[in-house]
């Protein structure tokens, strides 16, 4: 699935090196087609609840998933991500 720029997505996996967890919401800021036989990827920007940038990172397409109308957003303390 190709995501449009500035689409909000959810992480489908934990990314402890960035203190991020599965389900955290991020914004697509760039698409990376990948080489032949390589999975496409995306650059994402992750924000705090008040709009401060937490991380800008690149992930494989399989590491993100679309948000759906049946989901509810929540908040958590960032410092607890690695716990």
C-alpha atoms as a PDB file:
ATOM      1  CA  UNK A   1       0.000   0.000   0.000  1.00  0.00           C
ATOM      2  CA  UNK A   2       1.394   3.402  -0.908  1.00  0.00           C
ATOM      3  CA  UNK A   3       0.722   6.145   1.638  1.00  0.00           C
ATOM      4  CA  UNK A   4       0.291   9.753   0.557  1.00  0.00           C
ATOM      5  CA  UNK A   5       2.599  12.415   1.991  1.00  0.00           C
ATOM      6  CA  UNK A   6       1.414  13.852   5.316  1.00  0.00           C
ATOM      7  CA  UNK A   7      -0.827  10.871   6.014  1.00  0.00           C
ATOM      8  CA  UNK A   8      -0.906   9.793   9.646  1.00  0.00           C
ATOM      9  CA  UNK A   9      -0.042   6.138  10.193  1.00  0.00           C
ATOM     10  CA  UNK A  10       0.532   3.860  13.168  1.00  0.00           C
ATOM     11  CA  UNK A  11       3.714   1.963  13.862  1.00  0.00           C
ATOM     12  CA  UNK A  12       3.160  -1.775  13.446  1.00  0.00           C
ATOM     13  CA  UNK A  13       6.235  -2.662  15.507  1.00  0.00           C
ATOM     14  CA  UNK A  14       8.205  -1.369  18.477  1.00  0.00           C
ATOM     15  CA  UNK A  15      11.237   0.788  17.631  1.00  0.00           C
ATOM     16  CA  UNK A  16      13.092   0.913  20.971  1.00  0.00           C
ATOM     17  CA  UNK A  17      16.101   2.682  19.448  1.00  0.00           C
ATOM     18  CA  UNK A  18      13.769   5.661  18.932  1.00  0.00           C
ATOM     19  CA  UNK A  19      11.764   5.111  22.167  1.00  0.00           C
ATOM     20  CA  UNK A  20       8.683   4.330  20.069  1.00  0.00           C
ATOM     21  CA  UNK A  21       6.099   1.588  20.451  1.00  0.00           C
ATOM     22  CA  UNK A  22       3.700  -0.284  18.230  1.00  0.00           C
ATOM     23  CA  UNK A  23       0.606   1.881  17.842  1.00  0.00           C
ATOM     24  CA  UNK A  24       2.402   5.224  18.115  1.00  0.00           C
ATOM     25  CA  UNK A  25       1.162   7.650  15.462  1.00  0.00           C
ATOM     26  CA  UNK A  26       3.531   9.195  12.918  1.00  0.00           C
ATOM     27  CA  UNK A  27       3.240  11.369   9.807  1.00  0.00           C
ATOM     28  CA  UNK A  28       4.558  10.245   6.415  1.00  0.00           C
ATOM     29  CA  UNK A  29       7.025  12.843   5.107  1.00  0.00           C
ATOM     30  CA  UNK A  30       8.740  10.936   2.274  1.00  0.00           C
ATOM     31  CA  UNK A  31       8.347   7.763   0.188  1.00  0.00           C
ATOM     32  CA  UNK A  32      11.349   5.562  -0.712  1.00  0.00           C
ATOM     33  CA  UNK A  33      10.642   3.194  -3.616  1.00  0.00           C
ATOM     34  CA  UNK A  34      13.503   0.838  -2.813  1.00  0.00           C
ATOM     35  CA  UNK A  35      15.638  -1.118  -5.228  1.00  0.00           C
ATOM     36  CA  UNK A  36      14.345  -4.117  -7.190  1.00  0.00           C
ATOM     37  CA  UNK A  37      13.422  -6.945  -4.814  1.00  0.00           C
ATOM     38  CA  UNK A  38      13.569  -4.513  -1.866  1.00  0.00           C
ATOM     39  CA  UNK A  39      10.603  -3.455   0.251  1.00  0.00           C
ATOM     40  CA  UNK A  40       9.583   0.198  -0.145  1.00  0.00           C
ATOM     41  CA  UNK A  41       9.975   2.482   2.824  1.00  0.00           C
ATOM     42  CA  UNK A  42       8.935   5.792   4.319  1.00  0.00           C
ATOM     43  CA  UNK A  43      10.453   8.623   6.268  1.00  0.00           C
ATOM     44  CA  UNK A  44       8.218   9.473   9.206  1.00  0.00           C
ATOM     45  CA  UNK A  45       8.040  12.315  11.672  1.00  0.00           C
ATOM     46  CA  UNK A  46       6.745  11.579  15.164  1.00  0.00           C
ATOM     47  CA  UNK A  47       5.362  14.366  17.349  1.00  0.00           C
ATOM     48  CA  UNK A  48       4.456  14.796  21.002  1.00  0.00           C
ATOM     49  CA  UNK A  49       0.839  15.573  21.885  1.00  0.00           C
ATOM     50  CA  UNK A  50       1.733  19.288  21.822  1.00  0.00           C
ATOM     51  CA  UNK A  51       3.388  19.178  18.387  1.00  0.00           C
ATOM     52  CA  UNK A  52       7.102  18.934  19.238  1.00  0.00           C
ATOM     53  CA  UNK A  53       9.147  16.608  17.023  1.00  0.00           C
ATOM     54  CA  UNK A  54      10.230  13.435  18.814  1.00  0.00           C
ATOM     55  CA  UNK A  55      11.940  11.671  15.908  1.00  0.00           C
ATOM     56  CA  UNK A  56      12.399  11.632  12.158  1.00  0.00           C
ATOM     57  CA  UNK A  57      13.126   8.112  10.998  1.00  0.00           C
ATOM     58  CA  UNK A  58      12.975   5.775   8.027  1.00  0.00           C
ATOM     59  CA  UNK A  59      11.033   2.512   8.202  1.00  0.00           C
ATOM     60  CA  UNK A  60      10.050  -0.331   5.903  1.00  0.00           C
ATOM     61  CA  UNK A  61       6.475  -0.284   4.618  1.00  0.00           C
ATOM     62  CA  UNK A  62       5.686  -3.394   6.688  1.00  0.00           C
ATOM     63  CA  UNK A  63       6.527  -1.451   9.858  1.00  0.00           C
ATOM     64  CA  UNK A  64       3.548   0.896   9.492  1.00  0.00           C
ATOM     65  CA  UNK A  65      -0.189   0.500   9.076  1.00  0.00           C
ATOM     66  CA  UNK A  66      -3.077   2.808   8.230  1.00  0.00           C
ATOM     67  CA  UNK A  67      -5.229   4.390  10.895  1.00  0.00           C
ATOM     68  CA  UNK A  68      -8.863   3.243  10.826  1.00  0.00           C
ATOM     69  CA  UNK A  69     -12.120   4.826  11.921  1.00  0.00           C
ATOM     70  CA  UNK A  70     -12.564   2.197  14.646  1.00  0.00           C
ATOM     71  CA  UNK A  71      -9.416   3.238  16.528  1.00  0.00           C
ATOM     72  CA  UNK A  72      -9.061   5.724  19.365  1.00  0.00           C
ATOM     73  CA  UNK A  73      -5.868   7.757  19.839  1.00  0.00           C
ATOM     74  CA  UNK A  74      -4.247   7.724  23.268  1.00  0.00           C
ATOM     75  CA  UNK A  75      -1.226   9.310  24.955  1.00  0.00           C
ATOM     76  CA  UNK A  76       1.668   7.899  26.983  1.00  0.00           C
ATOM     77  CA  UNK A  77       4.810   9.252  28.605  1.00  0.00           C
ATOM     78  CA  UNK A  78       7.704   9.080  26.173  1.00  0.00           C
ATOM     79  CA  UNK A  79      10.289   8.255  28.858  1.00  0.00           C
ATOM     80  CA  UNK A  80       8.464   4.983  29.555  1.00  0.00           C
ATOM     81  CA  UNK A  81       8.842   3.677  26.004  1.00  0.00           C
ATOM     82  CA  UNK A  82      11.947   1.610  26.741  1.00  0.00           C
ATOM     83  CA  UNK A  83      10.491   0.197  29.984  1.00  0.00           C
END
